[in-house]
Amino acid sequence: MEPQLRVLVAEDELIVGYDLCDTVSEAGYIVEGPFDDLSSAMLAYQKTKPDIAILDVQLGDGIVYPLAEQMMAENVPVIFHSGQLTPEEVAHRFPQAQALTKPCPPAEVIESVQRAAATA
């Protein structure tokens, strides 16, 4: 059996965050989070590097881009999950990342995580 991949979830809307965590966890991944602000997500990232990250663009204390850039620089696949930005806007800024629009059906979240896992 292959080792379980670790997925970090950063989402400032708690219900959405817990929902994402449940979806990813039920699909057999280890979940870290949900973290509702940038500082706690960064701390968690520094403590245990995840295999994949699902990041809301706007967190409680700011925009997630600095963390996303650090993750991508360290080859952690990032999936943006946003209500503000369209997938096209995200793709323009981060061509190597995936983007999901809120609200996102669980099946789409899992597909994105599986695509990311294939590159992790």
PDB file of N, CA and C in Angstrom:
ATOM      1  N   MET A   1       0.854  -1.196   0.000  1.00  0.00           N
ATOM      2  CA  MET A   1       0.000   0.000   0.000  1.00  0.00           C
ATOM      3  C   MET A   1       0.891   1.248   0.000  1.00  0.00           C
ATOM      4  N   GLU A   2       0.553   2.189  -0.847  1.00  0.00           N
ATOM      5  CA  GLU A   2       1.376   3.394  -0.910  1.00  0.00           C
ATOM      6  C   GLU A   2       1.094   4.294   0.293  1.00  0.00           C
ATOM      7  N   PRO A   3       2.088   5.084   0.695  1.00  0.00           N
ATOM      8  CA  PRO A   3       1.890   5.953   1.859  1.00  0.00           C
ATOM      9  C   PRO A   3       0.817   6.997   1.558  1.00  0.00           C
ATOM     10  N   GLN A   4       0.087   7.377   2.603  1.00  0.00           N
ATOM     11  CA  GLN A   4      -0.960   8.382   2.424  1.00  0.00           C
ATOM     12  C   GLN A   4      -0.331   9.748   2.208  1.00  0.00           C
ATOM     13  N   LEU A   5      -0.900  10.493   1.297  1.00  0.00           N
ATOM     14  CA  LEU A   5      -0.416  11.846   1.061  1.00  0.00           C
ATOM     15  C   LEU A   5      -1.057  12.802   2.057  1.00  0.00           C
ATOM     16  N   ARG A   6      -0.290  13.815   2.429  1.00  0.00           N
ATOM     17  CA  ARG A   6      -0.731  14.816   3.393  1.00  0.00           C
ATOM     18  C   ARG A   6      -1.198  16.063   2.628  1.00  0.00           C
ATOM     19  N   VAL A   7      -2.423  16.525   2.937  1.00  0.00           N
ATOM     20  CA  VAL A   7      -3.002  17.686   2.264  1.00  0.00           C
ATOM     21  C   VAL A   7      -3.250  18.792   3.283  1.00  0.00           C
ATOM     22  N   LEU A   8      -2.650  19.957   3.046  1.00  0.00           N
ATOM     23  CA  LEU A   8      -2.867  21.105   3.917  1.00  0.00           C
ATOM     24  C   LEU A   8      -4.039  21.912   3.358  1.00  0.00           C
ATOM     25  N   VAL A   9      -4.998  22.264   4.234  1.00  0.00           N
ATOM     26  CA  VAL A   9      -6.165  23.041   3.814  1.00  0.00           C
ATOM     27  C   VAL A   9      -6.160  24.382   4.541  1.00  0.00           C
ATOM     28  N   ALA A  10      -6.153  25.472   3.771  1.00  0.00           N
ATOM     29  CA  ALA A  10      -6.245  26.823   4.344  1.00  0.00           C
ATOM     30  C   ALA A  10      -7.502  27.472   3.781  1.00  0.00           C
ATOM     31  N   GLU A  11      -8.437  27.777   4.663  1.00  0.00           N
ATOM     32  CA  GLU A  11      -9.743  28.303   4.261  1.00  0.00           C
ATOM     33  C   GLU A  11     -10.299  29.125   5.418  1.00  0.00           C
ATOM     34  N   ASP A  12     -10.669  30.399   5.150  1.00  0.00           N
ATOM     35  CA  ASP A  12     -11.124  31.241   6.262  1.00  0.00           C
ATOM     36  C   ASP A  12     -12.600  31.076   6.616  1.00  0.00           C
ATOM     37  N   GLU A  13     -13.382  30.465   5.747  1.00  0.00           N
ATOM     38  CA  GLU A  13     -14.781  30.184   6.098  1.00  0.00           C
ATOM     39  C   GLU A  13     -14.801  28.800   6.726  1.00  0.00           C
ATOM     40  N   LEU A  14     -15.021  28.770   8.041  1.00  0.00           N
ATOM     41  CA  LEU A  14     -14.863  27.512   8.765  1.00  0.00           C
ATOM     42  C   LEU A  14     -15.715  26.353   8.252  1.00  0.00           C
ATOM     43  N   ILE A  15     -16.967  26.620   7.925  1.00  0.00           N
ATOM     44  CA  ILE A  15     -17.834  25.535   7.440  1.00  0.00           C
ATOM     45  C   ILE A  15     -17.269  24.966   6.144  1.00  0.00           C
ATOM     46  N   VAL A  16     -16.862  25.849   5.247  1.00  0.00           N
ATOM     47  CA  VAL A  16     -16.271  25.422   3.975  1.00  0.00           C
ATOM     48  C   VAL A  16     -14.977  24.650   4.249  1.00  0.00           C
ATOM     49  N   GLY A  17     -14.181  25.160   5.182  1.00  0.00           N
ATOM     50  CA  GLY A  17     -12.918  24.510   5.528  1.00  0.00           C
ATOM     51  C   GLY A  17     -13.112  23.103   6.048  1.00  0.00           C
ATOM     52  N   TYR A  18     -14.045  22.937   6.984  1.00  0.00           N
ATOM     53  CA  TYR A  18     -14.302  21.599   7.534  1.00  0.00           C
ATOM     54  C   TYR A  18     -14.869  20.664   6.479  1.00  0.00           C
ATOM     55  N   ASP A  19     -15.703  21.227   5.609  1.00  0.00           N
ATOM     56  CA  ASP A  19     -16.281  20.445   4.524  1.00  0.00           C
ATOM     57  C   ASP A  19     -15.177  19.931   3.590  1.00  0.00           C
ATOM     58  N   LEU A  20     -14.252  20.822   3.223  1.00  0.00           N
ATOM     59  CA  LEU A  20     -13.120  20.426   2.379  1.00  0.00           C
ATOM     60  C   LEU A  20     -12.295  19.336   3.060  1.00  0.00           C
ATOM     61  N   CYS A  21     -12.016  19.538   4.350  1.00  0.00           N
ATOM     62  CA  CYS A  21     -11.215  18.569   5.098  1.00  0.00           C
ATOM     63  C   CYS A  21     -11.891  17.202   5.129  1.00  0.00           C
ATOM     64  N   ASP A  22     -13.212  17.199   5.358  1.00  0.00           N
ATOM     65  CA  ASP A  22     -13.952  15.928   5.371  1.00  0.00           C
ATOM     66  C   ASP A  22     -13.874  15.240   4.017  1.00  0.00           C
ATOM     67  N   THR A  23     -14.080  16.015   2.957  1.00  0.00           N
ATOM     68  CA  THR A  23     -14.057  15.468   1.599  1.00  0.00           C
ATOM     69  C   THR A  23     -12.706  14.809   1.308  1.00  0.00           C
ATOM     70  N   VAL A  24     -11.632  15.534   1.619  1.00  0.00           N
ATOM     71  CA  VAL A  24     -10.273  15.038   1.333  1.00  0.00           C
ATOM     72  C   VAL A  24      -9.942  13.839   2.223  1.00  0.00           C
ATOM     73  N   SER A  25     -10.345  13.917   3.471  1.00  0.00           N
ATOM     74  CA  SER A  25     -10.088  12.838   4.421  1.00  0.00           C
ATOM     75  C   SER A  25     -10.828  11.557   4.016  1.00  0.00           C
ATOM     76  N   GLU A  26     -12.093  11.708   3.594  1.00  0.00           N
ATOM     77  CA  GLU A  26     -12.884  10.549   3.169  1.00  0.00           C
ATOM     78  C   GLU A  26     -12.287   9.886   1.934  1.00  0.00           C
ATOM     79  N   ALA A  27     -11.535  10.653   1.148  1.00  0.00           N
ATOM     80  CA  ALA A  27     -10.900  10.103  -0.048  1.00  0.00           C
ATOM     81  C   ALA A  27      -9.588   9.396   0.300  1.00  0.00           C
ATOM     82  N   GLY A  28      -9.248   9.370   1.596  1.00  0.00           N
ATOM     83  CA  GLY A  28      -8.083   8.599   2.020  1.00  0.00           C
ATOM     84  C   GLY A  28      -6.795   9.378   2.215  1.00  0.00           C
ATOM     85  N   TYR A  29      -6.891  10.703   2.291  1.00  0.00           N
ATOM     86  CA  TYR A  29      -5.692  11.519   2.498  1.00  0.00           C
ATOM     87  C   TYR A  29      -5.588  11.945   3.956  1.00  0.00           C
ATOM     88  N   ILE A  30      -4.372  12.244   4.398  1.00  0.00           N
ATOM     89  CA  ILE A  30      -4.168  12.814   5.730  1.00  0.00           C
ATOM     90  C   ILE A  30      -4.379  14.314   5.581  1.00  0.00           C
ATOM     91  N   VAL A  31      -5.186  14.902   6.475  1.00  0.00           N
ATOM     92  CA  VAL A  31      -5.516  16.322   6.337  1.00  0.00           C
ATOM     93  C   VAL A  31      -4.918  17.146   7.469  1.00  0.00           C
ATOM     94  N   GLU A  32      -4.321  18.265   7.104  1.00  0.00           N
ATOM     95  CA  GLU A  32      -3.847  19.256   8.072  1.00  0.00           C
ATOM     96  C   GLU A  32      -4.750  20.466   7.905  1.00  0.00           C
ATOM     97  N   GLY A  33      -5.417  20.877   8.970  1.00  0.00           N
ATOM     98  CA  GLY A  33      -6.259  22.058   8.868  1.00  0.00           C
ATOM     99  C   GLY A  33      -7.697  21.755   9.236  1.00  0.00           C
ATOM    100  N   PRO A  34      -8.612  22.664   8.947  1.00  0.00           N
ATOM    101  CA  PRO A  34      -8.415  23.876   8.155  1.00  0.00           C
ATOM    102  C   PRO A  34      -7.771  25.008   8.958  1.00  0.00           C
ATOM    103  N   PHE A  35      -6.917  25.762   8.293  1.00  0.00           N
ATOM    104  CA  PHE A  35      -6.281  26.934   8.892  1.00  0.00           C
ATOM    105  C   PHE A  35      -6.999  28.150   8.327  1.00  0.00           C
ATOM    106  N   ASP A  36      -7.454  29.052   9.204  1.00  0.00           N
ATOM    107  CA  ASP A  36      -8.239  30.179   8.708  1.00  0.00           C
ATOM    108  C   ASP A  36      -7.423  31.449   8.516  1.00  0.00           C
ATOM    109  N   ASP A  37      -6.138  31.402   8.856  1.00  0.00           N
ATOM    110  CA  ASP A  37      -5.310  32.569   8.568  1.00  0.00           C
ATOM    111  C   ASP A  37      -3.938  32.141   8.064  1.00  0.00           C
ATOM    112  N   LEU A  38      -3.300  33.096   7.418  1.00  0.00           N
ATOM    113  CA  LEU A  38      -2.026  32.856   6.771  1.00  0.00           C
ATOM    114  C   LEU A  38      -0.953  32.426   7.760  1.00  0.00           C
ATOM    115  N   SER A  39      -0.922  33.086   8.925  1.00  0.00           N
ATOM    116  CA  SER A  39       0.150  32.777   9.874  1.00  0.00           C
ATOM    117  C   SER A  39       0.065  31.339  10.383  1.00  0.00           C
ATOM    118  N   SER A  40      -1.142  30.846  10.682  1.00  0.00           N
ATOM    119  CA  SER A  40      -1.237  29.469  11.166  1.00  0.00           C
ATOM    120  C   SER A  40      -0.958  28.470  10.040  1.00  0.00           C
ATOM    121  N   ALA A  41      -1.369  28.796   8.820  1.00  0.00           N
ATOM    122  CA  ALA A  41      -1.088  27.915   7.681  1.00  0.00           C
ATOM    123  C   ALA A  41       0.417  27.850   7.427  1.00  0.00           C
ATOM    124  N   MET A  42       1.101  28.999   7.516  1.00  0.00           N
ATOM    125  CA  MET A  42       2.550  29.025   7.301  1.00  0.00           C
ATOM    126  C   MET A  42       3.273  28.228   8.380  1.00  0.00           C
ATOM    127  N   LEU A  43       2.819  28.391   9.613  1.00  0.00           N
ATOM    128  CA  LEU A  43       3.421  27.654  10.730  1.00  0.00           C
ATOM    129  C   LEU A  43       3.271  26.146  10.516  1.00  0.00           C
ATOM    130  N   ALA A  44       2.081  25.726  10.140  1.00  0.00           N
ATOM    131  CA  ALA A  44       1.822  24.299   9.893  1.00  0.00           C
ATOM    132  C   ALA A  44       2.696  23.797   8.749  1.00  0.00           C
ATOM    133  N   TYR A  45       2.836  24.630   7.713  1.00  0.00           N
ATOM    134  CA  TYR A  45       3.647  24.252   6.560  1.00  0.00           C
ATOM    135  C   TYR A  45       5.119  24.068   6.954  1.00  0.00           C
ATOM    136  N   GLN A  46       5.607  24.971   7.795  1.00  0.00           N
ATOM    137  CA  GLN A  46       7.009  24.883   8.216  1.00  0.00           C
ATOM    138  C   GLN A  46       7.242  23.675   9.115  1.00  0.00           C
ATOM    139  N   LYS A  47       6.218  23.317   9.905  1.00  0.00           N
ATOM    140  CA  LYS A  47       6.345  22.196  10.816  1.00  0.00           C
ATOM    141  C   LYS A  47       6.339  20.863  10.067  1.00  0.00           C
ATOM    142  N   THR A  48       5.378  20.687   9.181  1.00  0.00           N
ATOM    143  CA  THR A  48       5.249  19.451   8.409  1.00  0.00           C
ATOM    144  C   THR A  48       4.914  19.806   6.977  1.00  0.00           C
ATOM    145  N   LYS A  49       5.869  19.606   6.080  1.00  0.00           N
ATOM    146  CA  LYS A  49       5.628  19.939   4.678  1.00  0.00           C
ATOM    147  C   LYS A  49       4.586  18.982   4.095  1.00  0.00           C
ATOM    148  N   PRO A  50       3.472  19.529   3.580  1.00  0.00           N
ATOM    149  CA  PRO A  50       2.448  18.656   3.002  1.00  0.00           C
ATOM    150  C   PRO A  50       2.848  18.198   1.596  1.00  0.00           C
ATOM    151  N   ASP A  51       2.122  17.225   1.075  1.00  0.00           N
ATOM    152  CA  ASP A  51       2.354  16.772  -0.301  1.00  0.00           C
ATOM    153  C   ASP A  51       1.569  17.623  -1.292  1.00  0.00           C
ATOM    154  N   ILE A  52       0.436  18.161  -0.808  1.00  0.00           N
ATOM    155  CA  ILE A  52      -0.479  18.948  -1.639  1.00  0.00           C
ATOM    156  C   ILE A  52      -1.101  20.023  -0.748  1.00  0.00           C
ATOM    157  N   ALA A  53      -1.472  21.167  -1.334  1.00  0.00           N
ATOM    158  CA  ALA A  53      -2.149  22.199  -0.544  1.00  0.00           C
ATOM    159  C   ALA A  53      -3.388  22.693  -1.274  1.00  0.00           C
ATOM    160  N   ILE A  54      -4.463  22.887  -0.506  1.00  0.00           N
ATOM    161  CA  ILE A  54      -5.677  23.518  -1.027  1.00  0.00           C
ATOM    162  C   ILE A  54      -5.775  24.854  -0.292  1.00  0.00           C
ATOM    163  N   LEU A  55      -5.661  25.940  -1.043  1.00  0.00           N
ATOM    164  CA  LEU A  55      -5.579  27.260  -0.424  1.00  0.00           C
ATOM    165  C   LEU A  55      -6.675  28.196  -0.904  1.00  0.00           C
ATOM    166  N   ASP A  56      -7.374  28.790   0.046  1.00  0.00           N
ATOM    167  CA  ASP A  56      -8.290  29.880  -0.286  1.00  0.00           C
ATOM    168  C   ASP A  56      -7.382  31.079  -0.577  1.00  0.00           C
ATOM    169  N   VAL A  57      -7.714  31.869  -1.575  1.00  0.00           N
ATOM    170  CA  VAL A  57      -6.854  33.000  -1.931  1.00  0.00           C
ATOM    171  C   VAL A  57      -6.829  34.053  -0.822  1.00  0.00           C
ATOM    172  N   GLN A  58      -8.008  34.361  -0.253  1.00  0.00           N
ATOM    173  CA  GLN A  58      -8.095  35.385   0.783  1.00  0.00           C
ATOM    174  C   GLN A  58      -8.323  34.727   2.140  1.00  0.00           C
ATOM    175  N   LEU A  59      -7.339  34.811   3.024  1.00  0.00           N
ATOM    176  CA  LEU A  59      -7.486  34.246   4.366  1.00  0.00           C
ATOM    177  C   LEU A  59      -7.772  35.366   5.358  1.00  0.00           C
ATOM    178  N   GLY A  60      -8.011  35.002   6.610  1.00  0.00           N
ATOM    179  CA  GLY A  60      -8.370  35.978   7.635  1.00  0.00           C
ATOM    180  C   GLY A  60      -7.399  37.137   7.759  1.00  0.00           C
ATOM    181  N   ASP A  61      -6.102  36.873   7.565  1.00  0.00           N
ATOM    182  CA  ASP A  61      -5.121  37.940   7.757  1.00  0.00           C
ATOM    183  C   ASP A  61      -4.347  38.295   6.484  1.00  0.00           C
ATOM    184  N   GLY A  62      -4.920  38.001   5.334  1.00  0.00           N
ATOM    185  CA  GLY A  62      -4.254  38.436   4.108  1.00  0.00           C
ATOM    186  C   GLY A  62      -4.362  37.451   2.951  1.00  0.00           C
ATOM    187  N   ILE A  63      -3.701  37.815   1.873  1.00  0.00           N
ATOM    188  CA  ILE A  63      -3.702  37.032   0.636  1.00  0.00           C
ATOM    189  C   ILE A  63      -2.694  35.886   0.777  1.00  0.00           C
ATOM    190  N   VAL A  64      -3.030  34.738   0.237  1.00  0.00           N
ATOM    191  CA  VAL A  64      -2.247  33.517   0.427  1.00  0.00           C
ATOM    192  C   VAL A  64      -1.049  33.396  -0.536  1.00  0.00           C
ATOM    193  N   TYR A  65      -0.893  34.338  -1.464  1.00  0.00           N
ATOM    194  CA  TYR A  65       0.141  34.208  -2.490  1.00  0.00           C
ATOM    195  C   TYR A  65       1.565  33.943  -1.977  1.00  0.00           C
ATOM    196  N   PRO A  66       2.037  34.644  -0.922  1.00  0.00           N
ATOM    197  CA  PRO A  66       3.414  34.373  -0.470  1.00  0.00           C
ATOM    198  C   PRO A  66       3.615  32.907  -0.065  1.00  0.00           C
ATOM    199  N   LEU A  67       2.627  32.343   0.615  1.00  0.00           N
ATOM    200  CA  LEU A  67       2.714  30.941   1.015  1.00  0.00           C
ATOM    201  C   LEU A  67       2.651  30.036  -0.216  1.00  0.00           C
ATOM    202  N   ALA A  68       1.746  30.346  -1.129  1.00  0.00           N
ATOM    203  CA  ALA A  68       1.609  29.551  -2.355  1.00  0.00           C
ATOM    204  C   ALA A  68       2.914  29.557  -3.146  1.00  0.00           C
ATOM    205  N   GLU A  69       3.535  30.732  -3.242  1.00  0.00           N
ATOM    206  CA  GLU A  69       4.791  30.831  -3.990  1.00  0.00           C
ATOM    207  C   GLU A  69       5.887  29.998  -3.338  1.00  0.00           C
ATOM    208  N   GLN A  70       5.948  30.036  -2.005  1.00  0.00           N
ATOM    209  CA  GLN A  70       6.947  29.244  -1.286  1.00  0.00           C
ATOM    210  C   GLN A  70       6.703  27.751  -1.523  1.00  0.00           C
ATOM    211  N   MET A  71       5.433  27.341  -1.435  1.00  0.00           N
ATOM    212  CA  MET A  71       5.096  25.930  -1.646  1.00  0.00           C
ATOM    213  C   MET A  71       5.489  25.472  -3.045  1.00  0.00           C
ATOM    214  N   MET A  72       5.116  26.274  -4.041  1.00  0.00           N
ATOM    215  CA  MET A  72       5.423  25.894  -5.423  1.00  0.00           C
ATOM    216  C   MET A  72       6.930  25.843  -5.663  1.00  0.00           C
ATOM    217  N   ALA A  73       7.655  26.743  -5.012  1.00  0.00           N
ATOM    218  CA  ALA A  73       9.115  26.742  -5.148  1.00  0.00           C
ATOM    219  C   ALA A  73       9.703  25.454  -4.563  1.00  0.00           C
ATOM    220  N   GLU A  74       8.984  24.863  -3.597  1.00  0.00           N
ATOM    221  CA  GLU A  74       9.435  23.614  -2.977  1.00  0.00           C
ATOM    222  C   GLU A  74       8.678  22.404  -3.529  1.00  0.00           C
ATOM    223  N   ASN A  75       8.112  22.578  -4.731  1.00  0.00           N
ATOM    224  CA  ASN A  75       7.434  21.494  -5.450  1.00  0.00           C
ATOM    225  C   ASN A  75       6.233  20.880  -4.751  1.00  0.00           C
ATOM    226  N   VAL A  76       5.498  21.686  -4.005  1.00  0.00           N
ATOM    227  CA  VAL A  76       4.241  21.225  -3.411  1.00  0.00           C
ATOM    228  C   VAL A  76       3.125  21.700  -4.347  1.00  0.00           C
ATOM    229  N   PRO A  77       2.362  20.768  -4.957  1.00  0.00           N
ATOM    230  CA  PRO A  77       1.277  21.194  -5.840  1.00  0.00           C
ATOM    231  C   PRO A  77       0.225  21.984  -5.062  1.00  0.00           C
ATOM    232  N   VAL A  78      -0.205  23.103  -5.654  1.00  0.00           N
ATOM    233  CA  VAL A  78      -1.179  23.973  -5.002  1.00  0.00           C
ATOM    234  C   VAL A  78      -2.482  23.982  -5.798  1.00  0.00           C
ATOM    235  N   ILE A  79      -3.593  23.866  -5.056  1.00  0.00           N
ATOM    236  CA  ILE A  79      -4.921  23.987  -5.643  1.00  0.00           C
ATOM    237  C   ILE A  79      -5.559  25.210  -4.975  1.00  0.00           C
ATOM    238  N   PHE A  80      -5.820  26.250  -5.763  1.00  0.00           N
ATOM    239  CA  PHE A  80      -6.479  27.426  -5.206  1.00  0.00           C
ATOM    240  C   PHE A  80      -7.974  27.165  -5.169  1.00  0.00           C
ATOM    241  N   HIS A  81      -8.625  27.637  -4.107  1.00  0.00           N
ATOM    242  CA  HIS A  81     -10.060  27.434  -3.902  1.00  0.00           C
ATOM    243  C   HIS A  81     -10.602  28.806  -3.552  1.00  0.00           C
ATOM    244  N   SER A  82     -11.246  29.464  -4.527  1.00  0.00           N
ATOM    245  CA  SER A  82     -11.585  30.864  -4.296  1.00  0.00           C
ATOM    246  C   SER A  82     -12.976  31.241  -4.751  1.00  0.00           C
ATOM    247  N   GLY A  83     -13.562  32.153  -4.007  1.00  0.00           N
ATOM    248  CA  GLY A  83     -14.837  32.724  -4.418  1.00  0.00           C
ATOM    249  C   GLY A  83     -14.621  34.044  -5.149  1.00  0.00           C
ATOM    250  N   GLN A  84     -13.415  34.625  -4.993  1.00  0.00           N
ATOM    251  CA  GLN A  84     -13.151  35.944  -5.584  1.00  0.00           C
ATOM    252  C   GLN A  84     -12.549  35.860  -6.984  1.00  0.00           C
ATOM    253  N   LEU A  85     -11.592  34.985  -7.165  1.00  0.00           N
ATOM    254  CA  LEU A  85     -10.877  34.924  -8.443  1.00  0.00           C
ATOM    255  C   LEU A  85     -11.405  33.805  -9.323  1.00  0.00           C
ATOM    256  N   THR A  86     -11.388  34.042 -10.614  1.00  0.00           N
ATOM    257  CA  THR A  86     -11.782  32.972 -11.535  1.00  0.00           C
ATOM    258  C   THR A  86     -10.569  32.076 -11.752  1.00  0.00           C
ATOM    259  N   PRO A  87     -10.807  30.822 -12.149  1.00  0.00           N
ATOM    260  CA  PRO A  87      -9.680  29.937 -12.468  1.00  0.00           C
ATOM    261  C   PRO A  87      -8.740  30.553 -13.508  1.00  0.00           C
ATOM    262  N   GLU A  88      -9.300  31.352 -14.437  1.00  0.00           N
ATOM    263  CA  GLU A  88      -8.464  31.988 -15.465  1.00  0.00           C
ATOM    264  C   GLU A  88      -7.495  32.999 -14.846  1.00  0.00           C
ATOM    265  N   GLU A  89      -8.004  33.768 -13.872  1.00  0.00           N
ATOM    266  CA  GLU A  89      -7.144  34.761 -13.214  1.00  0.00           C
ATOM    267  C   GLU A  89      -6.013  34.067 -12.450  1.00  0.00           C
ATOM    268  N   VAL A  90      -6.364  32.976 -11.780  1.00  0.00           N
ATOM    269  CA  VAL A  90      -5.346  32.225 -11.033  1.00  0.00           C
ATOM    270  C   VAL A  90      -4.328  31.627 -12.013  1.00  0.00           C
ATOM    271  N   ALA A  91      -4.822  31.039 -13.095  1.00  0.00           N
ATOM    272  CA  ALA A  91      -3.937  30.404 -14.091  1.00  0.00           C
ATOM    273  C   ALA A  91      -2.983  31.422 -14.700  1.00  0.00           C
ATOM    274  N   HIS A  92      -3.464  32.667 -14.852  1.00  0.00           N
ATOM    275  CA  HIS A  92      -2.617  33.710 -15.415  1.00  0.00           C
ATOM    276  C   HIS A  92      -1.447  34.000 -14.479  1.00  0.00           C
ATOM    277  N   ARG A  93      -1.728  34.062 -13.179  1.00  0.00           N
ATOM    278  CA  ARG A  93      -0.674  34.376 -12.216  1.00  0.00           C
ATOM    279  C   ARG A  93       0.163  33.149 -11.854  1.00  0.00           C
ATOM    280  N   PHE A  94      -0.501  32.001 -11.727  1.00  0.00           N
ATOM    281  CA  PHE A  94       0.186  30.757 -11.336  1.00  0.00           C
ATOM    282  C   PHE A  94      -0.146  29.655 -12.337  1.00  0.00           C
ATOM    283  N   PRO A  95       0.522  29.660 -13.495  1.00  0.00           N
ATOM    284  CA  PRO A  95       0.174  28.682 -14.532  1.00  0.00           C
ATOM    285  C   PRO A  95       0.328  27.224 -14.082  1.00  0.00           C
ATOM    286  N   GLN A  96       1.183  26.975 -13.097  1.00  0.00           N
ATOM    287  CA  GLN A  96       1.401  25.591 -12.671  1.00  0.00           C
ATOM    288  C   GLN A  96       0.410  25.110 -11.615  1.00  0.00           C
ATOM    289  N   ALA A  97      -0.473  26.002 -11.148  1.00  0.00           N
ATOM    290  CA  ALA A  97      -1.430  25.623 -10.097  1.00  0.00           C
ATOM    291  C   ALA A  97      -2.791  25.289 -10.701  1.00  0.00           C
ATOM    292  N   GLN A  98      -3.589  24.576  -9.918  1.00  0.00           N
ATOM    293  CA  GLN A  98      -4.976  24.321 -10.303  1.00  0.00           C
ATOM    294  C   GLN A  98      -5.852  25.332  -9.565  1.00  0.00           C
ATOM    295  N   ALA A  99      -7.047  25.555 -10.075  1.00  0.00           N
ATOM    296  CA  ALA A  99      -7.956  26.485  -9.408  1.00  0.00           C
ATOM    297  C   ALA A  99      -9.378  25.939  -9.430  1.00  0.00           C
ATOM    298  N   LEU A 100     -10.025  26.053  -8.290  1.00  0.00           N
ATOM    299  CA  LEU A 100     -11.422  25.648  -8.157  1.00  0.00           C
ATOM    300  C   LEU A 100     -12.229  26.864  -7.730  1.00  0.00           C
ATOM    301  N   THR A 101     -13.455  26.976  -8.223  1.00  0.00           N
ATOM    302  CA  THR A 101     -14.319  28.082  -7.848  1.00  0.00           C
ATOM    303  C   THR A 101     -15.259  27.614  -6.745  1.00  0.00           C
ATOM    304  N   LYS A 102     -15.427  28.453  -5.710  1.00  0.00           N
ATOM    305  CA  LYS A 102     -16.381  28.127  -4.644  1.00  0.00           C
ATOM    306  C   LYS A 102     -17.784  28.453  -5.126  1.00  0.00           C
ATOM    307  N   PRO A 103     -18.779  27.713  -4.712  1.00  0.00           N
ATOM    308  CA  PRO A 103     -18.667  26.417  -4.039  1.00  0.00           C
ATOM    309  C   PRO A 103     -18.276  25.338  -5.041  1.00  0.00           C
ATOM    310  N   CYS A 104     -17.508  24.403  -4.591  1.00  0.00           N
ATOM    311  CA  CYS A 104     -17.005  23.376  -5.495  1.00  0.00           C
ATOM    312  C   CYS A 104     -17.543  22.002  -5.083  1.00  0.00           C
ATOM    313  N   PRO A 105     -18.109  21.248  -6.023  1.00  0.00           N
ATOM    314  CA  PRO A 105     -18.608  19.917  -5.677  1.00  0.00           C
ATOM    315  C   PRO A 105     -17.466  19.021  -5.182  1.00  0.00           C
ATOM    316  N   PRO A 106     -17.730  18.190  -4.160  1.00  0.00           N
ATOM    317  CA  PRO A 106     -16.686  17.313  -3.612  1.00  0.00           C
ATOM    318  C   PRO A 106     -15.957  16.484  -4.672  1.00  0.00           C
ATOM    319  N   ALA A 107     -16.694  15.999  -5.673  1.00  0.00           N
ATOM    320  CA  ALA A 107     -16.049  15.176  -6.703  1.00  0.00           C
ATOM    321  C   ALA A 107     -14.962  15.958  -7.444  1.00  0.00           C
ATOM    322  N   GLU A 108     -15.219  17.245  -7.685  1.00  0.00           N
ATOM    323  CA  GLU A 108     -14.220  18.090  -8.370  1.00  0.00           C
ATOM    324  C   GLU A 108     -12.998  18.312  -7.487  1.00  0.00           C
ATOM    325  N   VAL A 109     -13.243  18.494  -6.179  1.00  0.00           N
ATOM    326  CA  VAL A 109     -12.133  18.670  -5.237  1.00  0.00           C
ATOM    327  C   VAL A 109     -11.243  17.425  -5.283  1.00  0.00           C
ATOM    328  N   ILE A 110     -11.853  16.247  -5.215  1.00  0.00           N
ATOM    329  CA  ILE A 110     -11.108  14.984  -5.213  1.00  0.00           C
ATOM    330  C   ILE A 110     -10.340  14.809  -6.522  1.00  0.00           C
ATOM    331  N   GLU A 111     -10.985  15.133  -7.653  1.00  0.00           N
ATOM    332  CA  GLU A 111     -10.283  15.039  -8.943  1.00  0.00           C
ATOM    333  C   GLU A 111      -9.044  15.914  -8.957  1.00  0.00           C
ATOM    334  N   SER A 112      -9.169  17.134  -8.435  1.00  0.00           N
ATOM    335  CA  SER A 112      -8.030  18.055  -8.396  1.00  0.00           C
ATOM    336  C   SER A 112      -6.911  17.502  -7.511  1.00  0.00           C
ATOM    337  N   VAL A 113      -7.305  16.960  -6.357  1.00  0.00           N
ATOM    338  CA  VAL A 113      -6.301  16.398  -5.451  1.00  0.00           C
ATOM    339  C   VAL A 113      -5.615  15.199  -6.104  1.00  0.00           C
ATOM    340  N   GLN A 114      -6.390  14.383  -6.799  1.00  0.00           N
ATOM    341  CA  GLN A 114      -5.788  13.222  -7.477  1.00  0.00           C
ATOM    342  C   GLN A 114      -4.835  13.666  -8.592  1.00  0.00           C
ATOM    343  N   ARG A 115      -5.221  14.716  -9.338  1.00  0.00           N
ATOM    344  CA  ARG A 115      -4.307  15.251 -10.365  1.00  0.00           C
ATOM    345  C   ARG A 115      -3.025  15.754  -9.721  1.00  0.00           C
ATOM    346  N   ALA A 116      -3.178  16.473  -8.603  1.00  0.00           N
ATOM    347  CA  ALA A 116      -2.012  16.995  -7.887  1.00  0.00           C
ATOM    348  C   ALA A 116      -1.160  15.845  -7.352  1.00  0.00           C
ATOM    349  N   ALA A 117      -1.807  14.797  -6.861  1.00  0.00           N
ATOM    350  CA  ALA A 117      -1.090  13.642  -6.302  1.00  0.00           C
ATOM    351  C   ALA A 117      -0.247  12.964  -7.368  1.00  0.00           C
ATOM    352  N   ALA A 118      -0.721  13.001  -8.593  1.00  0.00           N
ATOM    353  CA  ALA A 118       0.013  12.371  -9.691  1.00  0.00           C
ATOM    354  C   ALA A 118       1.337  13.086  -9.944  1.00  0.00           C
ATOM    355  N   THR A 119       1.389  14.376  -9.549  1.00  0.00           N
ATOM    356  CA  THR A 119       2.633  15.131  -9.770  1.00  0.00           C
ATOM    357  C   THR A 119       3.443  15.269  -8.469  1.00  0.00           C
ATOM    358  N   ALA A 120       2.820  14.939  -7.329  1.00  0.00           N
ATOM    359  CA  ALA A 120       3.482  15.134  -6.033  1.00  0.00           C
ATOM    360  C   ALA A 120       4.661  14.188  -5.854  1.00  0.00           C
TER     361      ALA A 120
END
